[in-house]
């Protein structure tokens, strides 16, 4: 009886082609608005766009609205887990957004600020 080289070759190929993957990606600006002491000094009616940008840096977007500009800061983080097999693949992606928005009047004075409830921490790595 001759040995069948196809079966060991097929099993080896399945073992080589099976893989797990884990990864993460972070995009946007650093969420310095979450650091203590950074935005506590911001006051509606007093703080200017220049004050905000000096404390937080350039925004992700600056949107010109009818009543005045909005500075929008965004940090996005996605975490991926995957399994690749010979005949079956699966992948799970979790995306989180940490946001801050600062609405100003036409004179560039802060009217309202808002923050997302979801926070991305530096130790989430």
PDB file of N, CA and C in Angstrom:
ATOM      1  N   UNK A   1       0.836  -1.171   0.000  1.00  0.00           N
ATOM      2  CA  UNK A   1       0.000   0.000   0.000  1.00  0.00           C
ATOM      3  C   UNK A   1       0.888   1.244   0.000  1.00  0.00           C
ATOM      4  N   UNK A   2       0.653   2.112  -0.939  1.00  0.00           N
ATOM      5  CA  UNK A   2       1.438   3.346  -1.046  1.00  0.00           C
ATOM      6  C   UNK A   2       0.908   4.401  -0.086  1.00  0.00           C
ATOM      7  N   UNK A   3       1.799   5.183   0.539  1.00  0.00           N
ATOM      8  CA  UNK A   3       1.327   6.271   1.415  1.00  0.00           C
ATOM      9  C   UNK A   3       0.646   7.354   0.573  1.00  0.00           C
ATOM     10  N   UNK A   4      -0.318   7.987   1.139  1.00  0.00           N
ATOM     11  CA  UNK A   4      -1.054   9.054   0.446  1.00  0.00           C
ATOM     12  C   UNK A   4      -0.471  10.417   0.841  1.00  0.00           C
ATOM     13  N   UNK A   5       0.310  11.022  -0.043  1.00  0.00           N
ATOM     14  CA  UNK A   5       0.943  12.294   0.294  1.00  0.00           C
ATOM     15  C   UNK A   5      -0.049  13.463   0.314  1.00  0.00           C
ATOM     16  N   UNK A   6      -1.222  13.284  -0.254  1.00  0.00           N
ATOM     17  CA  UNK A   6      -2.176  14.379  -0.342  1.00  0.00           C
ATOM     18  C   UNK A   6      -2.774  14.753   1.016  1.00  0.00           C
ATOM     19  N   UNK A   7      -3.078  13.768   1.860  1.00  0.00           N
ATOM     20  CA  UNK A   7      -3.693  14.045   3.157  1.00  0.00           C
ATOM     21  C   UNK A   7      -2.767  14.852   4.072  1.00  0.00           C
ATOM     22  N   UNK A   8      -1.501  14.452   4.272  1.00  0.00           N
ATOM     23  CA  UNK A   8      -0.622  15.280   5.107  1.00  0.00           C
ATOM     24  C   UNK A   8      -0.403  16.675   4.522  1.00  0.00           C
ATOM     25  N   UNK A   9      -0.358  16.755   3.199  1.00  0.00           N
ATOM     26  CA  UNK A   9      -0.182  18.051   2.552  1.00  0.00           C
ATOM     27  C   UNK A   9      -1.401  18.944   2.792  1.00  0.00           C
ATOM     28  N   UNK A  10      -2.582  18.391   2.706  1.00  0.00           N
ATOM     29  CA  UNK A  10      -3.805  19.140   2.937  1.00  0.00           C
ATOM     30  C   UNK A  10      -3.900  19.604   4.394  1.00  0.00           C
ATOM     31  N   UNK A  11      -3.587  18.746   5.335  1.00  0.00           N
ATOM     32  CA  UNK A  11      -3.599  19.117   6.751  1.00  0.00           C
ATOM     33  C   UNK A  11      -2.563  20.201   7.052  1.00  0.00           C
ATOM     34  N   UNK A  12      -1.420  20.100   6.455  1.00  0.00           N
ATOM     35  CA  UNK A  12      -0.388  21.126   6.631  1.00  0.00           C
ATOM     36  C   UNK A  12      -0.843  22.462   6.062  1.00  0.00           C
ATOM     37  N   UNK A  13      -1.485  22.432   4.909  1.00  0.00           N
ATOM     38  CA  UNK A  13      -1.978  23.663   4.288  1.00  0.00           C
ATOM     39  C   UNK A  13      -3.040  24.318   5.168  1.00  0.00           C
ATOM     40  N   UNK A  14      -3.938  23.521   5.758  1.00  0.00           N
ATOM     41  CA  UNK A  14      -4.962  24.067   6.656  1.00  0.00           C
ATOM     42  C   UNK A  14      -4.330  24.721   7.879  1.00  0.00           C
ATOM     43  N   UNK A  15      -3.320  24.088   8.443  1.00  0.00           N
ATOM     44  CA  UNK A  15      -2.647  24.643   9.613  1.00  0.00           C
ATOM     45  C   UNK A  15      -1.924  25.940   9.278  1.00  0.00           C
ATOM     46  N   UNK A  16      -1.317  25.984   8.118  1.00  0.00           N
ATOM     47  CA  UNK A  16      -0.590  27.189   7.710  1.00  0.00           C
ATOM     48  C   UNK A  16      -1.553  28.320   7.374  1.00  0.00           C
ATOM     49  N   UNK A  17      -2.694  27.997   6.771  1.00  0.00           N
ATOM     50  CA  UNK A  17      -3.632  29.022   6.334  1.00  0.00           C
ATOM     51  C   UNK A  17      -4.543  29.535   7.449  1.00  0.00           C
ATOM     52  N   UNK A  18      -4.574  28.886   8.596  1.00  0.00           N
ATOM     53  CA  UNK A  18      -5.375  29.355   9.721  1.00  0.00           C
ATOM     54  C   UNK A  18      -4.600  30.436  10.455  1.00  0.00           C
ATOM     55  N   UNK A  19      -5.291  31.518  10.783  1.00  0.00           N
ATOM     56  CA  UNK A  19      -4.600  32.619  11.454  1.00  0.00           C
ATOM     57  C   UNK A  19      -5.578  33.410  12.305  1.00  0.00           C
ATOM     58  N   UNK A  20      -5.056  33.994  13.350  1.00  0.00           N
ATOM     59  CA  UNK A  20      -5.798  34.927  14.184  1.00  0.00           C
ATOM     60  C   UNK A  20      -5.168  36.297  13.995  1.00  0.00           C
ATOM     61  N   UNK A  21      -5.985  37.321  14.122  1.00  0.00           N
ATOM     62  CA  UNK A  21      -5.443  38.671  14.006  1.00  0.00           C
ATOM     63  C   UNK A  21      -6.085  39.573  15.047  1.00  0.00           C
ATOM     64  N   UNK A  22      -5.281  40.456  15.593  1.00  0.00           N
ATOM     65  CA  UNK A  22      -5.733  41.449  16.549  1.00  0.00           C
ATOM     66  C   UNK A  22      -5.041  42.746  16.174  1.00  0.00           C
ATOM     67  N   UNK A  23      -5.795  43.826  16.145  1.00  0.00           N
ATOM     68  CA  UNK A  23      -5.177  45.104  15.803  1.00  0.00           C
ATOM     69  C   UNK A  23      -5.996  46.259  16.316  1.00  0.00           C
ATOM     70  N   UNK A  24      -5.386  47.427  16.311  1.00  0.00           N
ATOM     71  CA  UNK A  24      -6.105  48.638  16.683  1.00  0.00           C
ATOM     72  C   UNK A  24      -5.570  49.792  15.852  1.00  0.00           C
ATOM     73  N   UNK A  25      -6.429  50.797  15.692  1.00  0.00           N
ATOM     74  CA  UNK A  25      -6.065  51.974  14.926  1.00  0.00           C
ATOM     75  C   UNK A  25      -6.660  53.177  15.625  1.00  0.00           C
ATOM     76  N   UNK A  26      -5.890  54.232  15.665  1.00  0.00           N
ATOM     77  CA  UNK A  26      -6.349  55.463  16.285  1.00  0.00           C
ATOM     78  C   UNK A  26      -6.127  56.598  15.298  1.00  0.00           C
ATOM     79  N   UNK A  27      -7.153  57.434  15.121  1.00  0.00           N
ATOM     80  CA  UNK A  27      -7.053  58.539  14.171  1.00  0.00           C
ATOM     81  C   UNK A  27      -7.722  59.771  14.759  1.00  0.00           C
ATOM     82  N   UNK A  28      -7.252  60.921  14.370  1.00  0.00           N
ATOM     83  CA  UNK A  28      -7.825  62.176  14.836  1.00  0.00           C
ATOM     84  C   UNK A  28      -6.830  62.932  15.690  1.00  0.00           C
ATOM     85  N   UNK A  29      -7.358  63.842  16.489  1.00  0.00           N
ATOM     86  CA  UNK A  29      -6.510  64.654  17.360  1.00  0.00           C
ATOM     87  C   UNK A  29      -6.459  64.025  18.750  1.00  0.00           C
ATOM     88  N   UNK A  30      -5.415  64.310  19.490  1.00  0.00           N
ATOM     89  CA  UNK A  30      -5.332  63.823  20.875  1.00  0.00           C
ATOM     90  C   UNK A  30      -6.446  64.462  21.686  1.00  0.00           C
ATOM     91  N   UNK A  31      -7.092  63.684  22.546  1.00  0.00           N
ATOM     92  CA  UNK A  31      -8.222  64.197  23.315  1.00  0.00           C
ATOM     93  C   UNK A  31      -7.760  64.906  24.588  1.00  0.00           C
ATOM     94  N   UNK A  32      -7.021  65.985  24.403  1.00  0.00           N
ATOM     95  CA  UNK A  32      -6.504  66.744  25.541  1.00  0.00           C
ATOM     96  C   UNK A  32      -7.617  67.428  26.321  1.00  0.00           C
ATOM     97  N   UNK A  33      -8.828  67.533  25.769  1.00  0.00           N
ATOM     98  CA  UNK A  33      -9.946  68.104  26.515  1.00  0.00           C
ATOM     99  C   UNK A  33     -10.323  67.231  27.702  1.00  0.00           C
ATOM    100  N   UNK A  34      -9.849  65.981  27.730  1.00  0.00           N
ATOM    101  CA  UNK A  34     -10.125  65.065  28.845  1.00  0.00           C
ATOM    102  C   UNK A  34      -9.106  65.209  29.984  1.00  0.00           C
ATOM    103  N   UNK A  35      -8.005  65.883  29.737  1.00  0.00           N
ATOM    104  CA  UNK A  35      -6.981  66.036  30.767  1.00  0.00           C
ATOM    105  C   UNK A  35      -7.428  67.064  31.805  1.00  0.00           C
ATOM    106  N   UNK A  36      -7.192  66.774  33.085  1.00  0.00           N
ATOM    107  CA  UNK A  36      -7.617  67.702  34.141  1.00  0.00           C
ATOM    108  C   UNK A  36      -6.972  69.081  33.970  1.00  0.00           C
ATOM    109  N   UNK A  37      -7.780  70.099  34.198  1.00  0.00           N
ATOM    110  CA  UNK A  37      -7.289  71.466  34.175  1.00  0.00           C
ATOM    111  C   UNK A  37      -7.281  72.130  32.812  1.00  0.00           C
ATOM    112  N   UNK A  38      -7.532  71.386  31.742  1.00  0.00           N
ATOM    113  CA  UNK A  38      -7.455  71.969  30.397  1.00  0.00           C
ATOM    114  C   UNK A  38      -8.676  72.850  30.099  1.00  0.00           C
ATOM    115  N   UNK A  39      -9.884  72.336  30.302  1.00  0.00           N
ATOM    116  CA  UNK A  39     -11.065  73.114  29.904  1.00  0.00           C
ATOM    117  C   UNK A  39     -11.813  73.723  31.095  1.00  0.00           C
ATOM    118  N   UNK A  40     -11.346  73.512  32.294  1.00  0.00           N
ATOM    119  CA  UNK A  40     -12.038  74.085  33.450  1.00  0.00           C
ATOM    120  C   UNK A  40     -12.075  75.617  33.391  1.00  0.00           C
ATOM    121  N   UNK A  41     -11.100  76.211  32.720  1.00  0.00           N
ATOM    122  CA  UNK A  41     -11.060  77.659  32.595  1.00  0.00           C
ATOM    123  C   UNK A  41     -11.919  78.210  31.477  1.00  0.00           C
ATOM    124  N   UNK A  42     -12.507  77.340  30.645  1.00  0.00           N
ATOM    125  CA  UNK A  42     -13.365  77.809  29.558  1.00  0.00           C
ATOM    126  C   UNK A  42     -14.685  78.300  30.146  1.00  0.00           C
ATOM    127  N   UNK A  43     -15.090  79.519  29.772  1.00  0.00           N
ATOM    128  CA  UNK A  43     -16.350  80.080  30.257  1.00  0.00           C
ATOM    129  C   UNK A  43     -17.188  80.563  29.079  1.00  0.00           C
ATOM    130  N   UNK A  44     -18.452  80.168  29.090  1.00  0.00           N
ATOM    131  CA  UNK A  44     -19.378  80.642  28.068  1.00  0.00           C
ATOM    132  C   UNK A  44     -19.483  82.163  28.190  1.00  0.00           C
ATOM    133  N   UNK A  45     -19.386  82.845  27.053  1.00  0.00           N
ATOM    134  CA  UNK A  45     -19.482  84.295  27.028  1.00  0.00           C
ATOM    135  C   UNK A  45     -18.153  85.013  27.211  1.00  0.00           C
ATOM    136  N   UNK A  46     -17.089  84.283  27.556  1.00  0.00           N
ATOM    137  CA  UNK A  46     -15.780  84.895  27.812  1.00  0.00           C
ATOM    138  C   UNK A  46     -14.670  84.283  26.960  1.00  0.00           C
ATOM    139  N   UNK A  47     -14.616  82.961  26.915  1.00  0.00           N
ATOM    140  CA  UNK A  47     -13.539  82.251  26.215  1.00  0.00           C
ATOM    141  C   UNK A  47     -13.647  82.478  24.704  1.00  0.00           C
ATOM    142  N   UNK A  48     -12.516  82.707  24.064  1.00  0.00           N
ATOM    143  CA  UNK A  48     -12.506  82.952  22.615  1.00  0.00           C
ATOM    144  C   UNK A  48     -12.007  81.716  21.860  1.00  0.00           C
ATOM    145  N   UNK A  49     -12.194  81.756  20.541  1.00  0.00           N
ATOM    146  CA  UNK A  49     -11.676  80.689  19.684  1.00  0.00           C
ATOM    147  C   UNK A  49     -10.164  80.565  19.865  1.00  0.00           C
ATOM    148  N   UNK A  50      -9.488  81.685  19.971  1.00  0.00           N
ATOM    149  CA  UNK A  50      -8.036  81.664  20.170  1.00  0.00           C
ATOM    150  C   UNK A  50      -7.659  80.955  21.464  1.00  0.00           C
ATOM    151  N   UNK A  51      -8.441  81.168  22.530  1.00  0.00           N
ATOM    152  CA  UNK A  51      -8.187  80.494  23.809  1.00  0.00           C
ATOM    153  C   UNK A  51      -8.349  78.977  23.662  1.00  0.00           C
ATOM    154  N   UNK A  52      -9.405  78.579  22.959  1.00  0.00           N
ATOM    155  CA  UNK A  52      -9.679  77.146  22.765  1.00  0.00           C
ATOM    156  C   UNK A  52      -8.553  76.504  21.965  1.00  0.00           C
ATOM    157  N   UNK A  53      -8.171  77.138  20.862  1.00  0.00           N
ATOM    158  CA  UNK A  53      -7.125  76.571  20.013  1.00  0.00           C
ATOM    159  C   UNK A  53      -5.762  76.593  20.707  1.00  0.00           C
ATOM    160  N   UNK A  54      -5.508  77.570  21.554  1.00  0.00           N
ATOM    161  CA  UNK A  54      -4.252  77.597  22.305  1.00  0.00           C
ATOM    162  C   UNK A  54      -4.198  76.438  23.295  1.00  0.00           C
ATOM    163  N   UNK A  55      -5.339  76.081  23.885  1.00  0.00           N
ATOM    164  CA  UNK A  55      -5.378  75.001  24.874  1.00  0.00           C
ATOM    165  C   UNK A  55      -5.420  73.619  24.230  1.00  0.00           C
ATOM    166  N   UNK A  56      -6.156  73.479  23.114  1.00  0.00           N
ATOM    167  CA  UNK A  56      -6.398  72.160  22.523  1.00  0.00           C
ATOM    168  C   UNK A  56      -5.696  71.926  21.189  1.00  0.00           C
ATOM    169  N   UNK A  57      -5.169  72.959  20.583  1.00  0.00           N
ATOM    170  CA  UNK A  57      -4.551  72.815  19.277  1.00  0.00           C
ATOM    171  C   UNK A  57      -5.580  72.946  18.175  1.00  0.00           C
ATOM    172  N   UNK A  58      -5.161  72.748  16.941  1.00  0.00           N
ATOM    173  CA  UNK A  58      -6.097  72.863  15.816  1.00  0.00           C
ATOM    174  C   UNK A  58      -7.188  71.793  15.908  1.00  0.00           C
ATOM    175  N   UNK A  59      -8.434  72.145  15.561  1.00  0.00           N
ATOM    176  CA  UNK A  59      -9.519  71.166  15.620  1.00  0.00           C
ATOM    177  C   UNK A  59      -9.479  70.189  14.448  1.00  0.00           C
ATOM    178  N   UNK A  60     -10.228  69.114  14.581  1.00  0.00           N
ATOM    179  CA  UNK A  60     -10.395  68.174  13.471  1.00  0.00           C
ATOM    180  C   UNK A  60     -11.125  68.857  12.332  1.00  0.00           C
ATOM    181  N   UNK A  61     -12.111  69.668  12.681  1.00  0.00           N
ATOM    182  CA  UNK A  61     -12.870  70.434  11.690  1.00  0.00           C
ATOM    183  C   UNK A  61     -13.268  71.768  12.302  1.00  0.00           C
ATOM    184  N   UNK A  62     -13.312  72.771  11.462  1.00  0.00           N
ATOM    185  CA  UNK A  62     -13.867  74.064  11.855  1.00  0.00           C
ATOM    186  C   UNK A  62     -15.016  74.312  10.888  1.00  0.00           C
ATOM    187  N   UNK A  63     -16.230  74.346  11.428  1.00  0.00           N
ATOM    188  CA  UNK A  63     -17.424  74.420  10.605  1.00  0.00           C
ATOM    189  C   UNK A  63     -18.055  75.794  10.779  1.00  0.00           C
ATOM    190  N   UNK A  64     -18.313  76.466   9.661  1.00  0.00           N
ATOM    191  CA  UNK A  64     -18.925  77.794   9.701  1.00  0.00           C
ATOM    192  C   UNK A  64     -20.442  77.630   9.659  1.00  0.00           C
ATOM    193  N   UNK A  65     -21.078  77.801  10.808  1.00  0.00           N
ATOM    194  CA  UNK A  65     -22.534  77.701  10.905  1.00  0.00           C
ATOM    195  C   UNK A  65     -23.161  79.090  10.769  1.00  0.00           C
ATOM    196  N   UNK A  66     -24.448  79.128  10.641  1.00  0.00           N
ATOM    197  CA  UNK A  66     -25.151  80.398  10.448  1.00  0.00           C
ATOM    198  C   UNK A  66     -24.933  81.369  11.609  1.00  0.00           C
ATOM    199  N   UNK A  67     -24.944  80.853  12.839  1.00  0.00           N
ATOM    200  CA  UNK A  67     -24.810  81.711  14.021  1.00  0.00           C
ATOM    201  C   UNK A  67     -23.365  81.903  14.471  1.00  0.00           C
ATOM    202  N   UNK A  68     -22.426  81.239  13.833  1.00  0.00           N
ATOM    203  CA  UNK A  68     -21.027  81.362  14.202  1.00  0.00           C
ATOM    204  C   UNK A  68     -20.292  80.050  14.007  1.00  0.00           C
ATOM    205  N   UNK A  69     -18.979  80.070  14.148  1.00  0.00           N
ATOM    206  CA  UNK A  69     -18.192  78.861  13.885  1.00  0.00           C
ATOM    207  C   UNK A  69     -18.287  77.824  15.009  1.00  0.00           C
ATOM    208  N   UNK A  70     -18.046  76.576  14.621  1.00  0.00           N
ATOM    209  CA  UNK A  70     -17.974  75.479  15.575  1.00  0.00           C
ATOM    210  C   UNK A  70     -16.617  74.804  15.415  1.00  0.00           C
ATOM    211  N   UNK A  71     -15.937  74.607  16.512  1.00  0.00           N
ATOM    212  CA  UNK A  71     -14.688  73.847  16.517  1.00  0.00           C
ATOM    213  C   UNK A  71     -15.032  72.429  16.955  1.00  0.00           C
ATOM    214  N   UNK A  72     -14.693  71.463  16.118  1.00  0.00           N
ATOM    215  CA  UNK A  72     -15.053  70.064  16.351  1.00  0.00           C
ATOM    216  C   UNK A  72     -13.769  69.246  16.482  1.00  0.00           C
ATOM    217  N   UNK A  73     -13.611  68.607  17.630  1.00  0.00           N
ATOM    218  CA  UNK A  73     -12.438  67.769  17.899  1.00  0.00           C
ATOM    219  C   UNK A  73     -12.897  66.316  17.949  1.00  0.00           C
ATOM    220  N   UNK A  74     -12.154  65.436  17.276  1.00  0.00           N
ATOM    221  CA  UNK A  74     -12.545  64.032  17.184  1.00  0.00           C
ATOM    222  C   UNK A  74     -11.333  63.130  17.341  1.00  0.00           C
ATOM    223  N   UNK A  75     -11.481  62.113  18.172  1.00  0.00           N
ATOM    224  CA  UNK A  75     -10.507  61.029  18.274  1.00  0.00           C
ATOM    225  C   UNK A  75     -11.267  59.732  18.050  1.00  0.00           C
ATOM    226  N   UNK A  76     -10.836  58.962  17.073  1.00  0.00           N
ATOM    227  CA  UNK A  76     -11.481  57.694  16.731  1.00  0.00           C
ATOM    228  C   UNK A  76     -10.527  56.551  17.031  1.00  0.00           C
ATOM    229  N   UNK A  77     -11.059  55.489  17.606  1.00  0.00           N
ATOM    230  CA  UNK A  77     -10.244  54.298  17.865  1.00  0.00           C
ATOM    231  C   UNK A  77     -11.036  53.073  17.435  1.00  0.00           C
ATOM    232  N   UNK A  78     -10.399  52.206  16.660  1.00  0.00           N
ATOM    233  CA  UNK A  78     -11.038  50.951  16.274  1.00  0.00           C
ATOM    234  C   UNK A  78     -10.162  49.787  16.698  1.00  0.00           C
ATOM    235  N   UNK A  79     -10.808  48.781  17.260  1.00  0.00           N
ATOM    236  CA  UNK A  79     -10.137  47.557  17.692  1.00  0.00           C
ATOM    237  C   UNK A  79     -10.702  46.401  16.877  1.00  0.00           C
ATOM    238  N   UNK A  80      -9.811  45.570  16.360  1.00  0.00           N
ATOM    239  CA  UNK A  80     -10.200  44.484  15.467  1.00  0.00           C
ATOM    240  C   UNK A  80      -9.725  43.143  16.013  1.00  0.00           C
ATOM    241  N   UNK A  81     -10.601  42.156  15.936  1.00  0.00           N
ATOM    242  CA  UNK A  81     -10.249  40.772  16.242  1.00  0.00           C
ATOM    243  C   UNK A  81     -10.736  39.926  15.081  1.00  0.00           C
ATOM    244  N   UNK A  82      -9.907  39.006  14.611  1.00  0.00           N
ATOM    245  CA  UNK A  82     -10.311  38.200  13.472  1.00  0.00           C
ATOM    246  C   UNK A  82      -9.784  36.778  13.538  1.00  0.00           C
ATOM    247  N   UNK A  83     -10.458  35.915  12.830  1.00  0.00           N
ATOM    248  CA  UNK A  83     -10.054  34.521  12.714  1.00  0.00           C
ATOM    249  C   UNK A  83     -10.200  34.136  11.249  1.00  0.00           C
ATOM    250  N   UNK A  84      -9.129  33.627  10.674  1.00  0.00           N
ATOM    251  CA  UNK A  84      -9.137  33.214   9.277  1.00  0.00           C
ATOM    252  C   UNK A  84      -8.822  31.719   9.217  1.00  0.00           C
ATOM    253  N   UNK A  85      -9.767  30.966   8.713  1.00  0.00           N
ATOM    254  CA  UNK A  85      -9.583  29.525   8.551  1.00  0.00           C
ATOM    255  C   UNK A  85      -9.639  29.185   7.066  1.00  0.00           C
ATOM    256  N   UNK A  86      -9.453  27.955   6.754  1.00  0.00           N
ATOM    257  CA  UNK A  86      -9.412  27.507   5.363  1.00  0.00           C
ATOM    258  C   UNK A  86     -10.723  27.796   4.634  1.00  0.00           C
ATOM    259  N   UNK A  87     -11.860  27.563   5.313  1.00  0.00           N
ATOM    260  CA  UNK A  87     -13.149  27.755   4.649  1.00  0.00           C
ATOM    261  C   UNK A  87     -14.047  28.760   5.363  1.00  0.00           C
ATOM    262  N   UNK A  88     -13.586  29.374   6.452  1.00  0.00           N
ATOM    263  CA  UNK A  88     -14.429  30.275   7.231  1.00  0.00           C
ATOM    264  C   UNK A  88     -13.589  31.432   7.756  1.00  0.00           C
ATOM    265  N   UNK A  89     -14.115  32.641   7.627  1.00  0.00           N
ATOM    266  CA  UNK A  89     -13.440  33.830   8.134  1.00  0.00           C
ATOM    267  C   UNK A  89     -14.426  34.640   8.966  1.00  0.00           C
ATOM    268  N   UNK A  90     -13.951  35.235  10.038  1.00  0.00           N
ATOM    269  CA  UNK A  90     -14.791  36.120  10.836  1.00  0.00           C
ATOM    270  C   UNK A  90     -13.940  37.287  11.340  1.00  0.00           C
ATOM    271  N   UNK A  91     -14.598  38.423  11.509  1.00  0.00           N
ATOM    272  CA  UNK A  91     -13.889  39.594  11.996  1.00  0.00           C
ATOM    273  C   UNK A  91     -14.862  40.438  12.806  1.00  0.00           C
ATOM    274  N   UNK A  92     -14.392  40.937  13.950  1.00  0.00           N
ATOM    275  CA  UNK A  92     -15.195  41.802  14.796  1.00  0.00           C
ATOM    276  C   UNK A  92     -14.456  43.127  14.942  1.00  0.00           C
ATOM    277  N   UNK A  93     -15.137  44.218  14.624  1.00  0.00           N
ATOM    278  CA  UNK A  93     -14.531  45.544  14.708  1.00  0.00           C
ATOM    279  C   UNK A  93     -15.364  46.388  15.661  1.00  0.00           C
ATOM    280  N   UNK A  94     -14.701  46.991  16.627  1.00  0.00           N
ATOM    281  CA  UNK A  94     -15.359  47.909  17.565  1.00  0.00           C
ATOM    282  C   UNK A  94     -14.778  49.295  17.332  1.00  0.00           C
ATOM    283  N   UNK A  95     -15.639  50.249  17.004  1.00  0.00           N
ATOM    284  CA  UNK A  95     -15.196  51.619  16.747  1.00  0.00           C
ATOM    285  C   UNK A  95     -15.781  52.520  17.829  1.00  0.00           C
ATOM    286  N   UNK A  96     -14.912  53.349  18.412  1.00  0.00           N
ATOM    287  CA  UNK A  96     -15.339  54.309  19.437  1.00  0.00           C
ATOM    288  C   UNK A  96     -14.915  55.712  19.023  1.00  0.00           C
ATOM    289  N   UNK A  97     -15.719  56.691  19.400  1.00  0.00           N
ATOM    290  CA  UNK A  97     -15.443  58.082  19.068  1.00  0.00           C
ATOM    291  C   UNK A  97     -15.464  58.921  20.342  1.00  0.00           C
ATOM    292  N   UNK A  98     -14.442  59.705  20.548  1.00  0.00           N
ATOM    293  CA  UNK A  98     -14.383  60.663  21.651  1.00  0.00           C
ATOM    294  C   UNK A  98     -14.430  62.042  20.995  1.00  0.00           C
ATOM    295  N   UNK A  99     -15.470  62.830  21.315  1.00  0.00           N
ATOM    296  CA  UNK A  99     -15.696  64.092  20.599  1.00  0.00           C
ATOM    297  C   UNK A  99     -15.874  65.261  21.556  1.00  0.00           C
ATOM    298  N   UNK A 100     -15.514  66.429  21.054  1.00  0.00           N
ATOM    299  CA  UNK A 100     -15.781  67.684  21.757  1.00  0.00           C
ATOM    300  C   UNK A 100     -16.186  68.713  20.704  1.00  0.00           C
ATOM    301  N   UNK A 101     -17.211  69.492  21.018  1.00  0.00           N
ATOM    302  CA  UNK A 101     -17.681  70.530  20.104  1.00  0.00           C
ATOM    303  C   UNK A 101     -17.792  71.846  20.868  1.00  0.00           C
ATOM    304  N   UNK A 102     -17.292  72.902  20.251  1.00  0.00           N
ATOM    305  CA  UNK A 102     -17.327  74.231  20.849  1.00  0.00           C
ATOM    306  C   UNK A 102     -18.015  75.171  19.864  1.00  0.00           C
ATOM    307  N   UNK A 103     -19.213  75.639  20.212  1.00  0.00           N
ATOM    308  CA  UNK A 103     -19.976  76.558  19.366  1.00  0.00           C
ATOM    309  C   UNK A 103     -19.666  77.981  19.801  1.00  0.00           C
ATOM    310  N   UNK A 104     -19.341  78.815  18.833  1.00  0.00           N
ATOM    311  CA  UNK A 104     -18.997  80.206  19.111  1.00  0.00           C
ATOM    312  C   UNK A 104     -19.949  81.130  18.369  1.00  0.00           C
ATOM    313  N   UNK A 105     -20.024  82.378  18.823  1.00  0.00           N
ATOM    314  CA  UNK A 105     -20.837  83.357  18.097  1.00  0.00           C
ATOM    315  C   UNK A 105     -19.997  83.960  16.966  1.00  0.00           C
ATOM    316  N   UNK A 106     -20.599  84.865  16.225  1.00  0.00           N
ATOM    317  CA  UNK A 106     -19.901  85.479  15.081  1.00  0.00           C
ATOM    318  C   UNK A 106     -18.647  86.253  15.493  1.00  0.00           C
ATOM    319  N   UNK A 107     -18.582  86.675  16.757  1.00  0.00           N
ATOM    320  CA  UNK A 107     -17.403  87.394  17.246  1.00  0.00           C
ATOM    321  C   UNK A 107     -16.312  86.442  17.734  1.00  0.00           C
ATOM    322  N   UNK A 108     -16.565  85.134  17.679  1.00  0.00           N
ATOM    323  CA  UNK A 108     -15.570  84.151  18.094  1.00  0.00           C
ATOM    324  C   UNK A 108     -15.546  83.896  19.592  1.00  0.00           C
ATOM    325  N   UNK A 109     -16.657  84.171  20.269  1.00  0.00           N
ATOM    326  CA  UNK A 109     -16.765  83.951  21.716  1.00  0.00           C
ATOM    327  C   UNK A 109     -17.591  82.689  21.958  1.00  0.00           C
ATOM    328  N   UNK A 110     -17.158  81.864  22.888  1.00  0.00           N
ATOM    329  CA  UNK A 110     -17.802  80.580  23.188  1.00  0.00           C
ATOM    330  C   UNK A 110     -19.247  80.784  23.649  1.00  0.00           C
ATOM    331  N   UNK A 111     -20.181  80.092  22.970  1.00  0.00           N
ATOM    332  CA  UNK A 111     -21.597  80.094  23.337  1.00  0.00           C
ATOM    333  C   UNK A 111     -22.008  78.812  24.041  1.00  0.00           C
ATOM    334  N   UNK A 112     -21.441  77.683  23.610  1.00  0.00           N
ATOM    335  CA  UNK A 112     -21.828  76.382  24.161  1.00  0.00           C
ATOM    336  C   UNK A 112     -20.718  75.391  23.887  1.00  0.00           C
ATOM    337  N   UNK A 113     -20.536  74.427  24.804  1.00  0.00           N
ATOM    338  CA  UNK A 113     -19.579  73.341  24.573  1.00  0.00           C
ATOM    339  C   UNK A 113     -20.232  72.029  24.961  1.00  0.00           C
ATOM    340  N   UNK A 114     -19.810  70.976  24.270  1.00  0.00           N
ATOM    341  CA  UNK A 114     -20.400  69.664  24.488  1.00  0.00           C
ATOM    342  C   UNK A 114     -19.344  68.585  24.283  1.00  0.00           C
ATOM    343  N   UNK A 115     -19.472  67.489  25.051  1.00  0.00           N
ATOM    344  CA  UNK A 115     -18.503  66.397  24.999  1.00  0.00           C
ATOM    345  C   UNK A 115     -19.245  65.068  24.902  1.00  0.00           C
ATOM    346  N   UNK A 116     -18.653  64.104  24.213  1.00  0.00           N
ATOM    347  CA  UNK A 116     -19.267  62.782  24.117  1.00  0.00           C
ATOM    348  C   UNK A 116     -19.197  62.092  25.469  1.00  0.00           C
ATOM    349  N   UNK A 117     -20.144  61.191  25.689  1.00  0.00           N
ATOM    350  CA  UNK A 117     -20.121  60.430  26.931  1.00  0.00           C
ATOM    351  C   UNK A 117     -19.079  59.313  26.866  1.00  0.00           C
ATOM    352  N   UNK A 118     -18.752  58.882  25.664  1.00  0.00           N
ATOM    353  CA  UNK A 118     -17.742  57.833  25.486  1.00  0.00           C
ATOM    354  C   UNK A 118     -16.354  58.463  25.501  1.00  0.00           C
ATOM    355  N   UNK A 119     -15.472  57.905  26.306  1.00  0.00           N
ATOM    356  CA  UNK A 119     -14.128  58.441  26.459  1.00  0.00           C
ATOM    357  C   UNK A 119     -13.100  57.406  26.009  1.00  0.00           C
ATOM    358  N   UNK A 120     -12.123  57.857  25.258  1.00  0.00           N
ATOM    359  CA  UNK A 120     -10.994  56.995  24.906  1.00  0.00           C
ATOM    360  C   UNK A 120      -9.835  57.410  25.794  1.00  0.00           C
ATOM    361  N   UNK A 121      -9.342  56.487  26.581  1.00  0.00           N
ATOM    362  CA  UNK A 121      -8.246  56.782  27.505  1.00  0.00           C
ATOM    363  C   UNK A 121      -6.929  56.384  26.886  1.00  0.00           C
ATOM    364  N   UNK A 122      -5.864  57.050  27.324  1.00  0.00           N
ATOM    365  CA  UNK A 122      -4.534  56.764  26.801  1.00  0.00           C
ATOM    366  C   UNK A 122      -4.098  55.336  27.119  1.00  0.00           C
ATOM    367  N   UNK A 123      -4.595  54.783  28.245  1.00  0.00           N
ATOM    368  CA  UNK A 123      -4.195  53.430  28.645  1.00  0.00           C
ATOM    369  C   UNK A 123      -5.066  52.349  28.006  1.00  0.00           C
ATOM    370  N   UNK A 124      -5.855  52.700  26.984  1.00  0.00           N
ATOM    371  CA  UNK A 124      -6.687  51.721  26.264  1.00  0.00           C
ATOM    372  C   UNK A 124      -5.868  50.879  25.283  1.00  0.00           C
ATOM    373  N   UNK A 125      -4.568  51.047  25.252  1.00  0.00           N
ATOM    374  CA  UNK A 125      -3.739  50.334  24.265  1.00  0.00           C
ATOM    375  C   UNK A 125      -3.735  48.853  24.468  1.00  0.00           C
TER     376      UNK A 125
END
